[in-house]
Amino acid sequence: MPEGLVHAIGLPAHRAMPDAYVTAHHLRDMLNESTFEQLVKWSSKPGLLPRVPSGPERGKSWDRLDIAALQAFACVRDADVRFSAETELRRRGDAEVKVADEAEQGTLL
């Protein structure tokens, strides 16, 4: 719970004003932990998902997947899923792993 946050003001959850209030407290704390430049650098990358969002592996954390499943996720179009799978593959240090290259993806326009 962020310092200075009044719990009652943050309720009900998932409404514009309470969510903005809580977000402002978390943002303040993140800015105190990291530099603005570091936050911008992090925000330029896709999101690192804690769990697989869909499919037969839905809900599993990335570290519970086998190499074949991670390699398949590393080739999907969704940037967050691809980034999360590639990050786990790199964490494992598997030199045989081929991850999708942004240049191979191409663009629609």
C-alpha atoms as a PDB file:
ATOM      1  CA  MET A   1       0.000   0.000   0.000  1.00  0.00           C
ATOM      2  CA  PRO A   2       1.608   3.256  -1.087  1.00  0.00           C
ATOM      3  CA  GLU A   3       2.478   5.747   1.618  1.00  0.00           C
ATOM      4  CA  GLY A   4      -0.149   8.473   2.034  1.00  0.00           C
ATOM      5  CA  LEU A   5      -2.863   6.582   0.184  1.00  0.00           C
ATOM      6  CA  VAL A   6      -6.294   6.899   1.785  1.00  0.00           C
ATOM      7  CA  HIS A   7      -7.916   3.528   1.184  1.00  0.00           C
ATOM      8  CA  ALA A   8     -11.475   4.890   1.116  1.00  0.00           C
ATOM      9  CA  ILE A   9     -10.632   7.347  -1.685  1.00  0.00           C
ATOM     10  CA  GLY A  10      -9.359   4.444  -3.797  1.00  0.00           C
ATOM     11  CA  LEU A  11     -12.778   2.791  -3.706  1.00  0.00           C
ATOM     12  CA  PRO A  12     -14.713   1.550  -5.523  1.00  0.00           C
ATOM     13  CA  ALA A  13     -12.028  -0.117  -7.588  1.00  0.00           C
ATOM     14  CA  HIS A  14     -12.135   0.069 -11.388  1.00  0.00           C
ATOM     15  CA  ARG A  15     -13.769   3.482 -11.513  1.00  0.00           C
ATOM     16  CA  ALA A  16     -11.989   6.420 -13.134  1.00  0.00           C
ATOM     17  CA  MET A  17     -11.317   8.680 -10.145  1.00  0.00           C
ATOM     18  CA  PRO A  18     -10.342   5.965  -7.608  1.00  0.00           C
ATOM     19  CA  ASP A  19      -8.117   4.207 -10.164  1.00  0.00           C
ATOM     20  CA  ALA A  20      -6.423   7.513 -11.129  1.00  0.00           C
ATOM     21  CA  TYR A  21      -5.851   8.288  -7.436  1.00  0.00           C
ATOM     22  CA  VAL A  22      -4.204   4.909  -6.744  1.00  0.00           C
ATOM     23  CA  THR A  23      -2.210   5.066 -10.008  1.00  0.00           C
ATOM     24  CA  ALA A  24      -0.834   8.493  -9.066  1.00  0.00           C
ATOM     25  CA  HIS A  25       0.493   7.072  -5.787  1.00  0.00           C
ATOM     26  CA  HIS A  26       2.116   4.117  -7.542  1.00  0.00           C
ATOM     27  CA  LEU A  27       3.622   6.380 -10.208  1.00  0.00           C
ATOM     28  CA  ARG A  28       5.089   8.626  -7.520  1.00  0.00           C
ATOM     29  CA  ASP A  29       6.683   5.600  -5.853  1.00  0.00           C
ATOM     30  CA  MET A  30       8.077   4.284  -9.164  1.00  0.00           C
ATOM     31  CA  LEU A  31       9.577   7.683  -9.963  1.00  0.00           C
ATOM     32  CA  ASN A  32      11.258   7.638  -6.550  1.00  0.00           C
ATOM     33  CA  GLU A  33      12.757   4.184  -7.263  1.00  0.00           C
ATOM     34  CA  SER A  34      13.990   4.766 -10.823  1.00  0.00           C
ATOM     35  CA  THR A  35      15.087   7.603 -13.010  1.00  0.00           C
ATOM     36  CA  PHE A  36      12.694   9.101 -15.523  1.00  0.00           C
ATOM     37  CA  GLU A  37      15.018   7.949 -18.311  1.00  0.00           C
ATOM     38  CA  GLN A  38      14.885   4.351 -17.051  1.00  0.00           C
ATOM     39  CA  LEU A  39      11.083   4.421 -16.919  1.00  0.00           C
ATOM     40  CA  VAL A  40      10.949   5.730 -20.507  1.00  0.00           C
ATOM     41  CA  LYS A  41      13.351   2.980 -21.597  1.00  0.00           C
ATOM     42  CA  TRP A  42      11.193   0.314 -19.941  1.00  0.00           C
ATOM     43  CA  SER A  43       8.007   1.729 -21.448  1.00  0.00           C
ATOM     44  CA  SER A  44       9.453   1.533 -24.959  1.00  0.00           C
ATOM     45  CA  LYS A  45       9.548  -2.272 -24.677  1.00  0.00           C
ATOM     46  CA  PRO A  46       6.559  -4.616 -24.843  1.00  0.00           C
ATOM     47  CA  GLY A  47       4.978  -5.694 -21.581  1.00  0.00           C
ATOM     48  CA  LEU A  48       6.446  -8.618 -19.671  1.00  0.00           C
ATOM     49  CA  LEU A  49       3.422 -10.789 -18.897  1.00  0.00           C
ATOM     50  CA  PRO A  50       3.436 -12.847 -15.684  1.00  0.00           C
ATOM     51  CA  ARG A  51       1.381 -15.676 -17.230  1.00  0.00           C
ATOM     52  CA  VAL A  52       0.313 -17.021 -20.620  1.00  0.00           C
ATOM     53  CA  PRO A  53      -2.841 -15.078 -21.566  1.00  0.00           C
ATOM     54  CA  SER A  54      -4.591 -17.584 -23.850  1.00  0.00           C
ATOM     55  CA  GLY A  55      -4.577 -21.019 -25.424  1.00  0.00           C
ATOM     56  CA  PRO A  56      -4.029 -24.434 -23.837  1.00  0.00           C
ATOM     57  CA  GLU A  57      -1.245 -23.039 -21.599  1.00  0.00           C
ATOM     58  CA  ARG A  58      -3.459 -20.157 -20.356  1.00  0.00           C
ATOM     59  CA  GLY A  59      -2.719 -19.110 -16.787  1.00  0.00           C
ATOM     60  CA  LYS A  60       0.641 -20.880 -16.527  1.00  0.00           C
ATOM     61  CA  SER A  61       3.711 -18.867 -15.620  1.00  0.00           C
ATOM     62  CA  TRP A  62       6.337 -18.772 -18.371  1.00  0.00           C
ATOM     63  CA  ASP A  63       8.849 -20.762 -16.313  1.00  0.00           C
ATOM     64  CA  ARG A  64       6.461 -23.759 -16.313  1.00  0.00           C
ATOM     65  CA  LEU A  65       6.428 -24.091 -20.122  1.00  0.00           C
ATOM     66  CA  ASP A  66       8.664 -26.429 -22.083  1.00  0.00           C
ATOM     67  CA  ILE A  67      11.081 -25.159 -24.729  1.00  0.00           C
ATOM     68  CA  ALA A  68       8.809 -26.129 -27.636  1.00  0.00           C
ATOM     69  CA  ALA A  69       5.890 -24.126 -26.233  1.00  0.00           C
ATOM     70  CA  LEU A  70       8.132 -21.121 -25.565  1.00  0.00           C
ATOM     71  CA  GLN A  71       9.534 -21.269 -29.083  1.00  0.00           C
ATOM     72  CA  ALA A  72       6.001 -21.323 -30.499  1.00  0.00           C
ATOM     73  CA  PHE A  73       5.015 -18.288 -28.378  1.00  0.00           C
ATOM     74  CA  ALA A  74       8.203 -16.510 -29.486  1.00  0.00           C
ATOM     75  CA  CYS A  75       6.841 -16.480 -33.042  1.00  0.00           C
ATOM     76  CA  VAL A  76       3.347 -15.064 -32.453  1.00  0.00           C
ATOM     77  CA  ARG A  77       2.255 -11.586 -33.607  1.00  0.00           C
ATOM     78  CA  ASP A  78       1.319 -10.274 -30.141  1.00  0.00           C
ATOM     79  CA  ALA A  79       4.376  -8.263 -29.051  1.00  0.00           C
ATOM     80  CA  ASP A  80       3.795  -8.779 -25.314  1.00  0.00           C
ATOM     81  CA  VAL A  81       3.439 -12.561 -25.647  1.00  0.00           C
ATOM     82  CA  ARG A  82       6.463 -12.772 -27.956  1.00  0.00           C
ATOM     83  CA  PHE A  83       8.590 -10.597 -25.628  1.00  0.00           C
ATOM     84  CA  SER A  84       7.583 -12.643 -22.566  1.00  0.00           C
ATOM     85  CA  ALA A  85       8.435 -15.951 -24.260  1.00  0.00           C
ATOM     86  CA  GLU A  86      11.739 -14.609 -25.594  1.00  0.00           C
ATOM     87  CA  THR A  87      12.653 -13.273 -22.152  1.00  0.00           C
ATOM     88  CA  GLU A  88      12.061 -16.697 -20.583  1.00  0.00           C
ATOM     89  CA  LEU A  89      14.073 -18.402 -23.325  1.00  0.00           C
ATOM     90  CA  ARG A  90      16.968 -15.994 -22.718  1.00  0.00           C
ATOM     91  CA  ARG A  91      16.686 -16.534 -18.950  1.00  0.00           C
ATOM     92  CA  ARG A  92      17.139 -20.250 -19.495  1.00  0.00           C
ATOM     93  CA  GLY A  93      20.216 -19.600 -21.626  1.00  0.00           C
ATOM     94  CA  ASP A  94      19.275 -22.064 -24.358  1.00  0.00           C
ATOM     95  CA  ALA A  95      21.720 -21.249 -27.185  1.00  0.00           C
ATOM     96  CA  GLU A  96      19.753 -23.395 -29.664  1.00  0.00           C
ATOM     97  CA  VAL A  97      16.701 -21.159 -29.413  1.00  0.00           C
ATOM     98  CA  LYS A  98      15.704 -19.034 -32.400  1.00  0.00           C
ATOM     99  CA  VAL A  99      13.495 -16.093 -31.489  1.00  0.00           C
ATOM    100  CA  ALA A 100      11.477 -13.989 -33.914  1.00  0.00           C
ATOM    101  CA  ASP A 101      13.250 -10.941 -35.277  1.00  0.00           C
ATOM    102  CA  GLU A 102      11.329  -7.659 -35.405  1.00  0.00           C
ATOM    103  CA  ALA A 103      12.609  -7.093 -38.955  1.00  0.00           C
ATOM    104  CA  GLU A 104      11.074 -10.419 -40.075  1.00  0.00           C
ATOM    105  CA  GLN A 105       7.665  -9.404 -38.777  1.00  0.00           C
ATOM    106  CA  GLY A 106       7.043  -6.634 -41.299  1.00  0.00           C
ATOM    107  CA  THR A 107       4.307  -4.051 -41.107  1.00  0.00           C
ATOM    108  CA  LEU A 108       0.880  -3.750 -42.634  1.00  0.00           C
ATOM    109  CA  LEU A 109       1.389  -0.277 -44.095  1.00  0.00           C
END
